[in-house]
Amino acid sequence: MAKKAENQGAATAAPSIAEQLEKALSQAGAPAEEIKVLVDFVKTAETTQELLKKSDEALEAKEAECIDLHEKVETLEKEVSAARETLKELEQAIASAEQQATAKADEIVVGKETYLVDAGNYKFDGEIVNAENLKENPKLAQKLIELGVGFIKMKGA
């Protein structure tokens, strides 16, 4: 009956090397103190081996995670590069549009400030308002600036 229980235990978990060593040394008649020292040493080695195996598994998982993160970084770097290129194109388009707007506008000087006038012909207080008339009539230009009309803007603003 005891043999049957022993066989069932063996079927579920094989004895460790430390257990096998302890059994063999006991049967050989080795002193108990030496058996304990050797068994403790083997148990420590087995524990170390298990920890090393777990560490290897954790390392492999981290390596896989690093590879995945590296791929994500590469993808993001490509997206950033594309965004920078788009930004550069937009900045060039804005600069071109500003140049065209400045080229269309005429400059006038009111006081010590230079303004850009982008207007066709308007009537204001019975007078024709355009860049030429505003150059000749700084008082009218000053009045329009104070009113905040949209077609007169400070140069560089």
Protein backbone atom coordinates (compact mmCIF):
# COMPACT_ATOMS: atom_id res chain seq x y z
CA MET A 1 0.00 0.00 0.00
CA ALA A 2 2.82 2.42 0.86
CA LYS A 3 4.51 1.55 -2.42
CA LYS A 4 1.30 2.41 -4.32
CA ALA A 5 1.14 5.86 -2.64
CA GLU A 6 4.84 6.36 -3.36
CA ASN A 7 4.27 5.56 -7.05
CA GLN A 8 1.35 8.02 -7.24
CA GLY A 9 3.53 10.77 -5.76
CA ALA A 10 6.27 10.00 -8.28
CA ALA A 11 3.78 10.21 -11.08
CA THR A 12 2.72 13.72 -10.11
CA ALA A 13 6.16 15.23 -9.36
CA ALA A 14 9.59 13.74 -9.92
CA PRO A 15 11.90 14.00 -6.91
CA SER A 16 14.35 16.86 -7.11
CA ILE A 17 18.07 16.31 -7.43
CA ALA A 18 18.46 17.38 -3.80
CA GLU A 19 15.91 14.76 -2.70
CA GLN A 20 17.61 12.07 -4.78
CA LEU A 21 21.02 13.04 -3.38
CA GLU A 22 19.74 13.00 0.19
CA LYS A 23 18.22 9.54 -0.30
CA ALA A 24 21.37 8.12 -1.93
CA LEU A 25 23.73 9.56 0.71
CA SER A 26 21.48 8.31 3.55
CA GLN A 27 21.45 4.84 2.04
CA ALA A 28 25.24 4.97 1.66
CA GLY A 29 25.58 5.82 5.33
CA ALA A 30 27.04 9.32 4.98
CA PRO A 31 27.04 11.46 8.13
CA ALA A 32 23.82 13.50 8.55
CA GLU A 33 25.71 16.80 8.86
CA GLU A 34 27.49 16.30 5.50
CA ILE A 35 24.23 15.22 3.88
CA LYS A 36 22.55 18.44 5.09
CA VAL A 37 25.38 20.65 3.76
CA LEU A 38 25.35 18.94 0.37
CA VAL A 39 21.55 18.92 0.10
CA ASP A 40 21.37 22.63 1.05
CA PHE A 41 24.01 23.39 -1.58
CA VAL A 42 22.08 21.46 -4.27
CA LYS A 43 18.80 23.12 -3.24
CA THR A 44 20.46 26.52 -3.58
CA ALA A 45 21.75 25.53 -7.02
CA GLU A 46 18.28 24.33 -8.05
CA THR A 47 16.68 27.59 -6.82
CA THR A 48 19.34 29.59 -8.64
CA GLN A 49 18.69 27.59 -11.81
CA GLU A 50 14.92 28.29 -11.53
CA LEU A 51 15.54 31.99 -10.96
CA LEU A 52 17.92 32.08 -13.91
CA LYS A 53 15.29 30.43 -16.12
CA LYS A 54 12.67 32.99 -15.01
CA SER A 55 15.15 35.81 -15.61
CA ASP A 56 15.85 34.50 -19.11
CA GLU A 57 12.12 34.39 -19.83
CA ALA A 58 11.66 37.93 -18.52
CA LEU A 59 14.63 39.11 -20.57
CA GLU A 60 13.20 37.55 -23.73
CA ALA A 61 9.86 39.29 -23.05
CA LYS A 62 11.63 42.64 -22.54
CA GLU A 63 13.67 42.15 -25.72
CA ALA A 64 10.44 41.53 -27.66
CA GLU A 65 8.93 44.63 -26.06
CA CYS A 66 12.03 46.67 -27.03
CA ILE A 67 11.79 45.48 -30.62
CA ASP A 68 8.11 46.48 -30.70
CA LEU A 69 8.88 49.89 -29.21
CA HIS A 70 11.72 50.42 -31.67
CA GLU A 71 9.34 49.75 -34.55
CA LYS A 72 6.84 52.22 -33.08
CA VAL A 73 9.58 54.84 -32.73
CA GLU A 74 10.57 54.34 -36.38
CA THR A 75 6.94 54.77 -37.44
CA LEU A 76 6.57 57.92 -35.36
CA GLU A 77 9.84 59.33 -36.72
CA LYS A 78 8.51 58.85 -40.25
CA GLU A 79 5.27 60.60 -39.29
CA VAL A 80 7.20 63.49 -37.72
CA SER A 81 9.36 63.78 -40.82
CA ALA A 82 6.28 63.88 -43.05
CA ALA A 83 4.67 66.48 -40.76
CA ARG A 84 7.82 68.62 -40.91
CA GLU A 85 7.80 68.45 -44.68
CA THR A 86 4.13 69.46 -44.75
CA LEU A 87 4.87 72.30 -42.33
CA LYS A 88 7.72 73.51 -44.53
CA GLU A 89 5.42 73.48 -47.58
CA LEU A 90 2.73 75.39 -45.67
CA GLU A 91 5.27 77.98 -44.46
CA GLN A 92 6.40 78.50 -48.06
CA ALA A 93 2.78 78.87 -49.20
CA ILE A 94 2.12 81.42 -46.45
CA ALA A 95 5.26 83.38 -47.34
CA SER A 96 4.25 83.38 -50.99
CA ALA A 97 0.73 84.53 -50.14
CA GLU A 98 2.09 87.29 -47.92
CA GLN A 99 4.41 88.44 -50.71
CA GLN A 100 1.51 88.55 -53.15
CA ALA A 101 -0.63 90.48 -50.66
CA THR A 102 2.19 92.95 -50.01
CA ALA A 103 2.79 93.36 -53.72
CA LYS A 104 -0.88 94.25 -54.23
CA ALA A 105 -0.96 96.73 -51.37
CA ASP A 106 0.36 100.26 -51.67
CA GLU A 107 2.35 101.86 -48.90
CA ILE A 108 1.46 105.12 -47.20
CA VAL A 109 3.18 106.94 -44.38
CA VAL A 110 1.03 108.45 -41.64
CA GLY A 111 2.93 110.12 -38.86
CA LYS A 112 6.05 108.04 -38.41
CA GLU A 113 4.41 104.71 -39.28
CA THR A 114 4.21 102.97 -42.63
CA TYR A 115 0.93 101.31 -43.58
CA LEU A 116 -0.15 99.02 -46.38
CA VAL A 117 -3.34 99.95 -48.22
CA ASP A 118 -5.18 97.24 -50.09
CA ALA A 119 -8.21 99.06 -51.36
CA GLY A 120 -9.92 99.77 -54.62
CA ASN A 121 -12.01 102.93 -54.77
CA TYR A 122 -14.29 103.66 -51.81
CA LYS A 123 -16.24 106.74 -50.84
CA PHE A 124 -15.92 108.07 -47.31
CA ASP A 125 -17.24 111.45 -46.14
CA GLY A 126 -17.73 112.42 -49.76
CA GLU A 127 -14.13 111.68 -50.71
CA ILE A 128 -12.75 108.90 -52.92
CA VAL A 129 -10.60 106.53 -50.87
CA ASN A 130 -7.78 104.67 -52.59
CA ALA A 131 -4.04 104.40 -52.03
CA GLU A 132 -3.22 107.44 -54.18
CA ASN A 133 -5.73 109.72 -52.43
CA LEU A 134 -4.59 108.51 -49.00
CA LYS A 135 -0.96 109.34 -49.87
CA GLU A 136 -2.07 112.88 -50.68
CA ASN A 137 -4.45 113.19 -47.71
CA PRO A 138 -2.77 111.93 -44.53
CA LYS A 139 -5.57 113.36 -42.33
CA LEU A 140 -8.13 111.13 -44.08
CA ALA A 141 -5.75 108.18 -43.77
CA GLN A 142 -5.33 108.89 -40.02
CA LYS A 143 -9.08 109.06 -39.56
CA LEU A 144 -9.58 105.71 -41.33
CA ILE A 145 -6.79 104.11 -39.30
CA GLU A 146 -8.42 105.33 -36.07
CA LEU A 147 -11.72 103.83 -37.25
CA GLY A 148 -9.90 100.52 -37.77
CA VAL A 149 -10.80 99.91 -41.40
CA GLY A 150 -9.65 96.51 -42.61
CA PHE A 151 -7.91 97.63 -45.79
CA ILE A 152 -5.23 99.70 -44.00
CA LYS A 153 -2.72 97.70 -41.95
CA MET A 154 0.53 98.59 -40.29
CA LYS A 155 3.46 97.25 -42.28
CA GLY A 156 4.97 94.18 -40.65
CA ALA A 157 1.97 93.55 -38.40
